[in-house]
Amino acid sequence: MSQLIGISRPARRITARRSPTGSSPTASSTVDGPSTSIRARSDETAVEIEHDLSPTDLSDDTLVQALVSLVEAGDLSGRDEFESAFMAVVRSCGTEPALAWREFYRNSVAELRGGRSSFSPVHLRARSLIAGSSVLEVGSCFGFLALQCAQDGHTVTALDIDPAALALLDDAAGDLGVPVTTTTGDARALPFDSDSVDTVTLIHLLEHLCADDVHAAISEALRVARRRVIIAVPYEETPSPHFGHLQCLTEADLLRWAAPWSSNITGLFEDHGGWLVLDRTP
């Protein structure tokens, strides 16, 4: 997913543990998927998660699907709890958290590139639209797109508001042997010179922002981009609060956002959500 690591903490205490080898998790809510079982006990003060994930099983897609099921079961509520549960489960998958994060990144990137992740079509389309050799991913979170772009041979910078997310990305880039420059910053005021990057991506970011902030983010992306800005958003019947989505979007919203730059629109289409491509005038 595009945005996951937050800076606030949930009101309830979230803990996670891996089941002892050879035993099945036991708790009040049960979710059995094709590759994992995850359980939760929850009350007004705490959520206790038990799972059977090992580092070799761990990936973004696997864990997101499992935790969404706990949301649907009523054990997790809101973005803060979802994010805290995500982090707790990853850290509890191996004897060393660093090992779990390493395998998490390796598995996640391999699934995304191999078309085995539910988010693969989004990243594949984004990578196909990149113009030029340098890319800035705004709102990178874990930085999966940034890592794939670097593997594709682009010069990549990843920007996120959360330094903890960028620290994980730094470690992953080193482990995978690809150069990614990370920068802490705000999408509404990018810390880059004008016309300094060929392509700026805003992939599944703008649904997290209010209307005024969306305008500022697009304006900043167009200022920094020499050639192209790529925007992708989910189309949902209702915003997903556990993902931190604030808006339910349609193609009409993309057109409304782009109205000040209508002459720059070179792409408006649907593919696992909505897409808007804005090209700078030569």
C-alpha atoms as a PDB file:
ATOM      1  CA  MET A   1       0.000   0.000   0.000  1.00  0.00           C
ATOM      2  CA  SER A   2       1.002   3.548  -0.629  1.00  0.00           C
ATOM      3  CA  GLN A   3       0.707   5.152   2.787  1.00  0.00           C
ATOM      4  CA  LEU A   4       1.148   3.079   5.898  1.00  0.00           C
ATOM      5  CA  ILE A   5       3.577   4.313   8.516  1.00  0.00           C
ATOM      6  CA  GLY A   6       2.042   7.082  10.619  1.00  0.00           C
ATOM      7  CA  ILE A   7       3.366   9.399  13.296  1.00  0.00           C
ATOM      8  CA  SER A   8       0.544   9.097  15.851  1.00  0.00           C
ATOM      9  CA  ARG A   9      -0.236   6.299  18.267  1.00  0.00           C
ATOM     10  CA  PRO A  10      -3.545   4.486  18.795  1.00  0.00           C
ATOM     11  CA  ALA A  11      -5.479   4.785  22.037  1.00  0.00           C
ATOM     12  CA  ARG A  12      -5.495   1.002  22.495  1.00  0.00           C
ATOM     13  CA  ARG A  13      -2.324  -0.979  23.073  1.00  0.00           C
ATOM     14  CA  ILE A  14      -1.463  -3.144  20.046  1.00  0.00           C
ATOM     15  CA  THR A  15       0.756  -6.205  20.489  1.00  0.00           C
ATOM     16  CA  ALA A  16       1.635  -9.125  18.236  1.00  0.00           C
ATOM     17  CA  ARG A  17       3.317 -12.471  18.707  1.00  0.00           C
ATOM     18  CA  ARG A  18       4.161 -15.401  16.487  1.00  0.00           C
ATOM     19  CA  SER A  19       2.617 -18.729  17.452  1.00  0.00           C
ATOM     20  CA  PRO A  20       5.031 -21.370  18.738  1.00  0.00           C
ATOM     21  CA  THR A  21       6.340 -23.604  15.957  1.00  0.00           C
ATOM     22  CA  GLY A  22       3.870 -26.301  15.065  1.00  0.00           C
ATOM     23  CA  SER A  23       0.885 -24.756  16.850  1.00  0.00           C
ATOM     24  CA  SER A  24      -2.039 -22.775  15.471  1.00  0.00           C
ATOM     25  CA  PRO A  25      -2.901 -19.280  16.711  1.00  0.00           C
ATOM     26  CA  THR A  26      -5.804 -19.140  19.124  1.00  0.00           C
ATOM     27  CA  ALA A  27      -7.856 -16.021  19.785  1.00  0.00           C
ATOM     28  CA  SER A  28     -11.363 -14.595  19.539  1.00  0.00           C
ATOM     29  CA  SER A  29     -11.307 -13.622  15.843  1.00  0.00           C
ATOM     30  CA  THR A  30      -9.883 -15.934  13.212  1.00  0.00           C
ATOM     31  CA  VAL A  31      -8.652 -15.160   9.688  1.00  0.00           C
ATOM     32  CA  ASP A  32      -7.285 -18.020   7.607  1.00  0.00           C
ATOM     33  CA  GLY A  33      -5.791 -17.086   4.264  1.00  0.00           C
ATOM     34  CA  PRO A  34      -4.019 -19.118   1.593  1.00  0.00           C
ATOM     35  CA  SER A  35      -0.649 -18.601   3.252  1.00  0.00           C
ATOM     36  CA  THR A  36      -1.270 -17.397   6.799  1.00  0.00           C
ATOM     37  CA  SER A  37      -3.497 -17.567   9.845  1.00  0.00           C
ATOM     38  CA  ILE A  38      -3.920 -14.556  12.075  1.00  0.00           C
ATOM     39  CA  ARG A  39      -6.032 -14.159  15.208  1.00  0.00           C
ATOM     40  CA  ALA A  40      -6.921 -11.289  17.496  1.00  0.00           C
ATOM     41  CA  ARG A  41      -8.293 -10.731  20.979  1.00  0.00           C
ATOM     42  CA  SER A  42      -9.560  -7.211  21.500  1.00  0.00           C
ATOM     43  CA  ASP A  43     -11.276  -5.173  24.181  1.00  0.00           C
ATOM     44  CA  GLU A  44     -11.572  -1.491  25.040  1.00  0.00           C
ATOM     45  CA  THR A  45      -7.909  -1.162  26.049  1.00  0.00           C
ATOM     46  CA  ALA A  46      -5.885  -3.563  23.928  1.00  0.00           C
ATOM     47  CA  VAL A  47      -5.626  -5.688  20.794  1.00  0.00           C
ATOM     48  CA  GLU A  48      -3.531  -8.856  21.023  1.00  0.00           C
ATOM     49  CA  ILE A  49      -2.617 -10.408  17.672  1.00  0.00           C
ATOM     50  CA  GLU A  50      -1.271 -13.914  17.187  1.00  0.00           C
ATOM     51  CA  HIS A  51      -0.129 -15.225  13.805  1.00  0.00           C
ATOM     52  CA  ASP A  52       1.873 -17.952  12.095  1.00  0.00           C
ATOM     53  CA  LEU A  53       3.918 -15.761   9.746  1.00  0.00           C
ATOM     54  CA  SER A  54       7.632 -16.414   9.416  1.00  0.00           C
ATOM     55  CA  PRO A  55      10.061 -13.998   7.712  1.00  0.00           C
ATOM     56  CA  THR A  56       9.944 -16.097   4.536  1.00  0.00           C
ATOM     57  CA  ASP A  57       6.127 -15.722   4.390  1.00  0.00           C
ATOM     58  CA  LEU A  58       6.091 -12.012   5.079  1.00  0.00           C
ATOM     59  CA  SER A  59       5.106  -9.473   2.434  1.00  0.00           C
ATOM     60  CA  ASP A  60       3.146  -6.248   2.210  1.00  0.00           C
ATOM     61  CA  ASP A  61       0.296  -7.828   0.269  1.00  0.00           C
ATOM     62  CA  THR A  62      -0.033 -10.817   2.605  1.00  0.00           C
ATOM     63  CA  LEU A  63      -0.067  -8.692   5.726  1.00  0.00           C
ATOM     64  CA  VAL A  64      -2.387  -5.991   4.392  1.00  0.00           C
ATOM     65  CA  GLN A  65      -4.979  -8.585   3.388  1.00  0.00           C
ATOM     66  CA  ALA A  66      -4.745 -10.294   6.767  1.00  0.00           C
ATOM     67  CA  LEU A  67      -5.122  -7.062   8.729  1.00  0.00           C
ATOM     68  CA  VAL A  68      -7.989  -5.828   6.564  1.00  0.00           C
ATOM     69  CA  SER A  69      -9.780  -9.003   7.592  1.00  0.00           C
ATOM     70  CA  LEU A  70      -9.252  -8.074  11.238  1.00  0.00           C
ATOM     71  CA  VAL A  71     -10.722  -4.642  10.465  1.00  0.00           C
ATOM     72  CA  GLU A  72     -13.755  -6.343   8.922  1.00  0.00           C
ATOM     73  CA  ALA A  73     -14.035  -8.583  11.996  1.00  0.00           C
ATOM     74  CA  GLY A  74     -14.137  -5.506  14.225  1.00  0.00           C
ATOM     75  CA  ASP A  75     -10.819  -6.071  15.996  1.00  0.00           C
ATOM     76  CA  LEU A  76      -8.963  -3.107  14.463  1.00  0.00           C
ATOM     77  CA  SER A  77     -10.356   0.354  13.894  1.00  0.00           C
ATOM     78  CA  GLY A  78      -8.874   3.336  12.090  1.00  0.00           C
ATOM     79  CA  ARG A  79      -5.527   4.162  10.582  1.00  0.00           C
ATOM     80  CA  ASP A  80      -3.500   4.400  13.785  1.00  0.00           C
ATOM     81  CA  GLU A  81      -4.464   0.913  14.953  1.00  0.00           C
ATOM     82  CA  PHE A  82      -3.969  -0.566  11.487  1.00  0.00           C
ATOM     83  CA  GLU A  83      -0.485   0.906  11.182  1.00  0.00           C
ATOM     84  CA  SER A  84       0.538  -0.116  14.683  1.00  0.00           C
ATOM     85  CA  ALA A  85      -0.709  -3.654  14.082  1.00  0.00           C
ATOM     86  CA  PHE A  86       1.220  -3.812  10.807  1.00  0.00           C
ATOM     87  CA  MET A  87       4.465  -2.751  12.448  1.00  0.00           C
ATOM     88  CA  ALA A  88       3.940  -5.064  15.425  1.00  0.00           C
ATOM     89  CA  VAL A  89       3.352  -8.116  13.249  1.00  0.00           C
ATOM     90  CA  VAL A  90       6.440  -7.480  11.106  1.00  0.00           C
ATOM     91  CA  ARG A  91       8.637  -7.064  14.160  1.00  0.00           C
ATOM     92  CA  SER A  92       7.289 -10.256  15.698  1.00  0.00           C
ATOM     93  CA  CYS A  93       7.927 -12.499  12.666  1.00  0.00           C
ATOM     94  CA  GLY A  94      11.560 -13.333  13.397  1.00  0.00           C
ATOM     95  CA  THR A  95      14.039 -13.490  16.240  1.00  0.00           C
ATOM     96  CA  GLU A  96      15.572 -10.253  14.948  1.00  0.00           C
ATOM     97  CA  PRO A  97      13.324  -7.413  13.694  1.00  0.00           C
ATOM     98  CA  ALA A  98      15.998  -6.427  11.172  1.00  0.00           C
ATOM     99  CA  LEU A  99      15.775  -9.892   9.599  1.00  0.00           C
ATOM    100  CA  ALA A 100      11.989  -9.649   9.388  1.00  0.00           C
ATOM    101  CA  TRP A 101      12.158  -6.236   7.699  1.00  0.00           C
ATOM    102  CA  ARG A 102      14.782  -7.483   5.238  1.00  0.00           C
ATOM    103  CA  GLU A 103      12.625 -10.415   4.197  1.00  0.00           C
ATOM    104  CA  PHE A 104       9.527  -8.192   4.140  1.00  0.00           C
ATOM    105  CA  TYR A 105      11.167  -5.920   1.570  1.00  0.00           C
ATOM    106  CA  ARG A 106      12.660  -8.713  -0.504  1.00  0.00           C
ATOM    107  CA  ASN A 107       9.357 -10.598  -0.682  1.00  0.00           C
ATOM    108  CA  SER A 108       7.252  -7.501  -1.298  1.00  0.00           C
ATOM    109  CA  VAL A 109       9.372  -6.161  -4.147  1.00  0.00           C
ATOM    110  CA  ALA A 110       9.600  -9.615  -5.748  1.00  0.00           C
ATOM    111  CA  GLU A 111       5.809 -10.017  -5.593  1.00  0.00           C
ATOM    112  CA  LEU A 112       5.220  -6.545  -7.020  1.00  0.00           C
ATOM    113  CA  ARG A 113       7.652  -7.022  -9.894  1.00  0.00           C
ATOM    114  CA  GLY A 114       6.421 -10.540 -10.555  1.00  0.00           C
ATOM    115  CA  GLY A 115       2.751  -9.580 -10.784  1.00  0.00           C
ATOM    116  CA  ARG A 116       1.820 -11.587  -7.675  1.00  0.00           C
ATOM    117  CA  SER A 117       0.706  -8.643  -5.524  1.00  0.00           C
ATOM    118  CA  SER A 118      -2.731  -7.045  -5.710  1.00  0.00           C
ATOM    119  CA  PHE A 119      -0.916  -3.718  -6.121  1.00  0.00           C
ATOM    120  CA  SER A 120       1.302  -4.976  -8.977  1.00  0.00           C
ATOM    121  CA  PRO A 121      -0.880  -3.481 -11.758  1.00  0.00           C
ATOM    122  CA  VAL A 122      -0.638  -0.026 -10.189  1.00  0.00           C
ATOM    123  CA  HIS A 123       3.134  -0.077  -9.951  1.00  0.00           C
ATOM    124  CA  LEU A 124       3.517  -1.626 -13.397  1.00  0.00           C
ATOM    125  CA  ARG A 125       1.410   1.139 -14.933  1.00  0.00           C
ATOM    126  CA  ALA A 126       3.275   3.848 -13.007  1.00  0.00           C
ATOM    127  CA  ARG A 127       6.645   2.520 -14.149  1.00  0.00           C
ATOM    128  CA  SER A 128       5.438   2.387 -17.753  1.00  0.00           C
ATOM    129  CA  LEU A 129       4.498   6.074 -17.689  1.00  0.00           C
ATOM    130  CA  ILE A 130       7.817   7.455 -16.420  1.00  0.00           C
ATOM    131  CA  ALA A 131       9.421   9.969 -18.764  1.00  0.00           C
ATOM    132  CA  GLY A 132      13.140  10.652 -18.621  1.00  0.00           C
ATOM    133  CA  SER A 133      15.805   9.199 -16.382  1.00  0.00           C
ATOM    134  CA  SER A 134      15.153  10.782 -12.975  1.00  0.00           C
ATOM    135  CA  VAL A 135      12.154  10.101 -10.716  1.00  0.00           C
ATOM    136  CA  LEU A 136      10.839  11.637  -7.507  1.00  0.00           C
ATOM    137  CA  GLU A 137       8.315   9.518  -5.613  1.00  0.00           C
ATOM    138  CA  VAL A 138       6.295  11.805  -3.340  1.00  0.00           C
ATOM    139  CA  GLY A 139       4.660  10.085  -0.372  1.00  0.00           C
ATOM    140  CA  SER A 140       6.853   7.018  -0.768  1.00  0.00           C
ATOM    141  CA  CYS A 141       6.034   5.314   2.559  1.00  0.00           C
ATOM    142  CA  PHE A 142       7.895   1.964   2.370  1.00  0.00           C
ATOM    143  CA  GLY A 143       9.297   2.981  -1.021  1.00  0.00           C
ATOM    144  CA  PHE A 144       8.365  -0.090  -3.049  1.00  0.00           C
ATOM    145  CA  LEU A 145       7.846   1.960  -6.217  1.00  0.00           C
ATOM    146  CA  ALA A 146      11.090   3.850  -5.669  1.00  0.00           C
ATOM    147  CA  LEU A 147      13.007   0.572  -5.320  1.00  0.00           C
ATOM    148  CA  GLN A 148      11.503  -0.830  -8.519  1.00  0.00           C
ATOM    149  CA  CYS A 149      12.278   2.363 -10.433  1.00  0.00           C
ATOM    150  CA  ALA A 150      15.878   2.147  -9.227  1.00  0.00           C
ATOM    151  CA  GLN A 151      16.006  -1.479 -10.343  1.00  0.00           C
ATOM    152  CA  ASP A 152      14.767  -0.259 -13.740  1.00  0.00           C
ATOM    153  CA  GLY A 153      17.848   1.979 -13.965  1.00  0.00           C
ATOM    154  CA  HIS A 154      16.339   5.349 -13.068  1.00  0.00           C
ATOM    155  CA  THR A 155      17.913   7.897 -10.745  1.00  0.00           C
ATOM    156  CA  VAL A 156      15.438   7.874  -7.871  1.00  0.00           C
ATOM    157  CA  THR A 157      14.590  10.103  -4.933  1.00  0.00           C
ATOM    158  CA  ALA A 158      11.908   9.118  -2.423  1.00  0.00           C
ATOM    159  CA  LEU A 159      10.215  11.724  -0.232  1.00  0.00           C
ATOM    160  CA  ASP A 160       8.001  11.037   2.758  1.00  0.00           C
ATOM    161  CA  ILE A 161       6.879  12.963   5.811  1.00  0.00           C
ATOM    162  CA  ASP A 162       7.893  10.109   8.135  1.00  0.00           C
ATOM    163  CA  PRO A 163      11.639   9.666   8.756  1.00  0.00           C
ATOM    164  CA  ALA A 164      11.060   6.180  10.220  1.00  0.00           C
ATOM    165  CA  ALA A 165       9.670   4.983   6.885  1.00  0.00           C
ATOM    166  CA  LEU A 166      12.655   6.454   5.064  1.00  0.00           C
ATOM    167  CA  ALA A 167      15.095   4.751   7.442  1.00  0.00           C
ATOM    168  CA  LEU A 168      13.541   1.399   6.550  1.00  0.00           C
ATOM    169  CA  LEU A 169      13.800   2.286   2.862  1.00  0.00           C
ATOM    170  CA  ASP A 170      17.472   3.227   3.242  1.00  0.00           C
ATOM    171  CA  ASP A 171      18.217  -0.180   4.746  1.00  0.00           C
ATOM    172  CA  ALA A 172      16.213  -1.978   2.055  1.00  0.00           C
ATOM    173  CA  ALA A 173      17.932  -0.119  -0.769  1.00  0.00           C
ATOM    174  CA  GLY A 174      21.296  -1.134   0.661  1.00  0.00           C
ATOM    175  CA  ASP A 175      20.227  -4.749   1.019  1.00  0.00           C
ATOM    176  CA  LEU A 176      18.852  -4.879  -2.538  1.00  0.00           C
ATOM    177  CA  GLY A 177      21.892  -3.078  -3.923  1.00  0.00           C
ATOM    178  CA  VAL A 178      20.041  -0.230  -5.617  1.00  0.00           C
ATOM    179  CA  PRO A 179      20.690   3.505  -5.086  1.00  0.00           C
ATOM    180  CA  VAL A 180      17.704   5.462  -3.723  1.00  0.00           C
ATOM    181  CA  THR A 181      18.102   8.920  -2.209  1.00  0.00           C
ATOM    182  CA  THR A 182      15.643   9.592   0.621  1.00  0.00           C
ATOM    183  CA  THR A 183      14.417  12.989   1.791  1.00  0.00           C
ATOM    184  CA  THR A 184      12.059  13.925   4.591  1.00  0.00           C
ATOM    185  CA  GLY A 185       9.547  16.492   3.431  1.00  0.00           C
ATOM    186  CA  ASP A 186       5.981  17.599   2.775  1.00  0.00           C
ATOM    187  CA  ALA A 187       4.180  17.077  -0.523  1.00  0.00           C
ATOM    188  CA  ARG A 188       2.719  20.564  -0.205  1.00  0.00           C
ATOM    189  CA  ALA A 189       6.138  22.252  -0.074  1.00  0.00           C
ATOM    190  CA  LEU A 190       8.706  20.064  -1.822  1.00  0.00           C
ATOM    191  CA  PRO A 191      12.325  20.774  -0.819  1.00  0.00           C
ATOM    192  CA  PHE A 192      13.585  20.670  -4.416  1.00  0.00           C
ATOM    193  CA  ASP A 193      14.459  23.245  -7.048  1.00  0.00           C
ATOM    194  CA  SER A 194      12.087  23.938  -9.905  1.00  0.00           C
ATOM    195  CA  ASP A 195      12.549  21.764 -13.001  1.00  0.00           C
ATOM    196  CA  SER A 196      14.933  19.476 -11.125  1.00  0.00           C
ATOM    197  CA  VAL A 197      13.469  15.995 -11.786  1.00  0.00           C
ATOM    198  CA  ASP A 198      12.143  14.476 -15.014  1.00  0.00           C
ATOM    199  CA  THR A 199       9.105  12.710 -13.521  1.00  0.00           C
ATOM    200  CA  VAL A 200       7.292  13.267 -10.220  1.00  0.00           C
ATOM    201  CA  THR A 201       4.873  10.582  -9.026  1.00  0.00           C
ATOM    202  CA  LEU A 202       1.909  11.010  -6.669  1.00  0.00           C
ATOM    203  CA  ILE A 203       0.742   7.400  -6.436  1.00  0.00           C
ATOM    204  CA  HIS A 204      -2.129   6.731  -4.019  1.00  0.00           C
ATOM    205  CA  LEU A 205      -1.261   9.845  -2.045  1.00  0.00           C
ATOM    206  CA  LEU A 206      -3.867  12.510  -2.805  1.00  0.00           C
ATOM    207  CA  GLU A 207      -6.785  10.569  -1.313  1.00  0.00           C
ATOM    208  CA  HIS A 208      -5.071  11.155   2.037  1.00  0.00           C
ATOM    209  CA  LEU A 209      -5.271  14.954   1.661  1.00  0.00           C
ATOM    210  CA  CYS A 210      -7.990  17.575   1.921  1.00  0.00           C
ATOM    211  CA  ALA A 211      -8.963  19.564  -1.183  1.00  0.00           C
ATOM    212  CA  ASP A 212      -6.710  22.568  -0.540  1.00  0.00           C
ATOM    213  CA  ASP A 213      -3.729  20.335   0.131  1.00  0.00           C
ATOM    214  CA  VAL A 214      -4.372  18.366  -3.072  1.00  0.00           C
ATOM    215  CA  HIS A 215      -4.062  21.562  -5.096  1.00  0.00           C
ATOM    216  CA  ALA A 216      -0.831  22.477  -3.319  1.00  0.00           C
ATOM    217  CA  ALA A 217       0.656  19.005  -3.868  1.00  0.00           C
ATOM    218  CA  ILE A 218      -0.117  18.984  -7.592  1.00  0.00           C
ATOM    219  CA  SER A 219       1.194  22.517  -7.996  1.00  0.00           C
ATOM    220  CA  GLU A 220       4.439  21.595  -6.252  1.00  0.00           C
ATOM    221  CA  ALA A 221       4.847  18.448  -8.321  1.00  0.00           C
ATOM    222  CA  LEU A 222       4.454  20.448 -11.528  1.00  0.00           C
ATOM    223  CA  ARG A 223       6.972  23.002 -10.292  1.00  0.00           C
ATOM    224  CA  VAL A 224       9.623  20.357  -9.644  1.00  0.00           C
ATOM    225  CA  ALA A 225       8.948  18.163 -12.691  1.00  0.00           C
ATOM    226  CA  ARG A 226      10.796  18.916 -15.905  1.00  0.00           C
ATOM    227  CA  ARG A 227       8.664  16.603 -18.019  1.00  0.00           C
ATOM    228  CA  ARG A 228       5.805  14.755 -16.310  1.00  0.00           C
ATOM    229  CA  VAL A 229       3.631  14.350 -13.214  1.00  0.00           C
ATOM    230  CA  ILE A 230       1.891  10.977 -12.716  1.00  0.00           C
ATOM    231  CA  ILE A 231      -1.119  10.820 -10.384  1.00  0.00           C
ATOM    232  CA  ALA A 232      -2.964   7.662  -9.345  1.00  0.00           C
ATOM    233  CA  VAL A 233      -5.839   7.327  -6.887  1.00  0.00           C
ATOM    234  CA  PRO A 234      -8.116   4.478  -5.794  1.00  0.00           C
ATOM    235  CA  TYR A 235     -11.759   4.490  -6.814  1.00  0.00           C
ATOM    236  CA  GLU A 236     -13.744   3.411  -3.754  1.00  0.00           C
ATOM    237  CA  GLU A 237     -17.430   3.434  -2.885  1.00  0.00           C
ATOM    238  CA  THR A 238     -16.458   4.741   0.548  1.00  0.00           C
ATOM    239  CA  PRO A 239     -13.070   5.950   1.806  1.00  0.00           C
ATOM    240  CA  SER A 240     -11.067   3.346   3.729  1.00  0.00           C
ATOM    241  CA  PRO A 241     -10.405   4.831   7.184  1.00  0.00           C
ATOM    242  CA  HIS A 242      -7.870   2.114   8.103  1.00  0.00           C
ATOM    243  CA  PHE A 243      -5.751   3.290   5.149  1.00  0.00           C
ATOM    244  CA  GLY A 244      -6.187   6.939   6.133  1.00  0.00           C
ATOM    245  CA  HIS A 245      -8.262   7.823   3.068  1.00  0.00           C
ATOM    246  CA  LEU A 246     -10.165  11.090   3.434  1.00  0.00           C
ATOM    247  CA  GLN A 247     -11.905  11.268   0.058  1.00  0.00           C
ATOM    248  CA  CYS A 248     -14.010   9.010  -2.156  1.00  0.00           C
ATOM    249  CA  LEU A 249     -12.832   9.868  -5.665  1.00  0.00           C
ATOM    250  CA  THR A 250     -14.043   9.646  -9.264  1.00  0.00           C
ATOM    251  CA  GLU A 251     -12.778  10.770 -12.651  1.00  0.00           C
ATOM    252  CA  ALA A 252     -14.682  14.017 -12.117  1.00  0.00           C
ATOM    253  CA  ASP A 253     -12.435  14.761  -9.127  1.00  0.00           C
ATOM    254  CA  LEU A 254      -9.309  14.232 -11.213  1.00  0.00           C
ATOM    255  CA  LEU A 255     -10.624  16.624 -13.855  1.00  0.00           C
ATOM    256  CA  ARG A 256     -11.536  19.172 -11.210  1.00  0.00           C
ATOM    257  CA  TRP A 257      -8.093  18.937  -9.641  1.00  0.00           C
ATOM    258  CA  ALA A 258      -6.418  19.370 -13.026  1.00  0.00           C
ATOM    259  CA  ALA A 259      -8.595  22.292 -14.142  1.00  0.00           C
ATOM    260  CA  PRO A 260      -5.885  24.936 -13.513  1.00  0.00           C
ATOM    261  CA  TRP A 261      -3.543  22.889 -15.721  1.00  0.00           C
ATOM    262  CA  SER A 262      -6.022  21.541 -18.293  1.00  0.00           C
ATOM    263  CA  SER A 263      -3.622  22.233 -21.169  1.00  0.00           C
ATOM    264  CA  ASN A 264      -1.088  19.898 -19.520  1.00  0.00           C
ATOM    265  CA  ILE A 265      -3.369  16.834 -19.432  1.00  0.00           C
ATOM    266  CA  THR A 266      -1.982  14.065 -21.644  1.00  0.00           C
ATOM    267  CA  GLY A 267      -3.610  11.104 -19.927  1.00  0.00           C
ATOM    268  CA  LEU A 268      -6.867  10.486 -18.050  1.00  0.00           C
ATOM    269  CA  PHE A 269      -7.943   6.865 -17.713  1.00  0.00           C
ATOM    270  CA  GLU A 270      -8.934   4.035 -15.388  1.00  0.00           C
ATOM    271  CA  ASP A 271      -6.717   1.054 -14.565  1.00  0.00           C
ATOM    272  CA  HIS A 272      -7.148  -0.393 -11.060  1.00  0.00           C
ATOM    273  CA  GLY A 273      -8.189   3.106 -10.040  1.00  0.00           C
ATOM    274  CA  GLY A 274      -7.946   6.507 -11.655  1.00  0.00           C
ATOM    275  CA  TRP A 275      -4.950   8.005 -13.439  1.00  0.00           C
ATOM    276  CA  LEU A 276      -4.042  11.541 -14.442  1.00  0.00           C
ATOM    277  CA  VAL A 277      -0.892  12.388 -16.412  1.00  0.00           C
ATOM    278  CA  LEU A 278       0.258  15.992 -16.695  1.00  0.00           C
ATOM    279  CA  ASP A 279       3.097  16.921 -19.036  1.00  0.00           C
ATOM    280  CA  ARG A 280       5.065  20.109 -18.814  1.00  0.00           C
ATOM    281  CA  THR A 281       4.935  22.395 -21.836  1.00  0.00           C
ATOM    282  CA  PRO A 282       8.262  22.277 -23.701  1.00  0.00           C
END
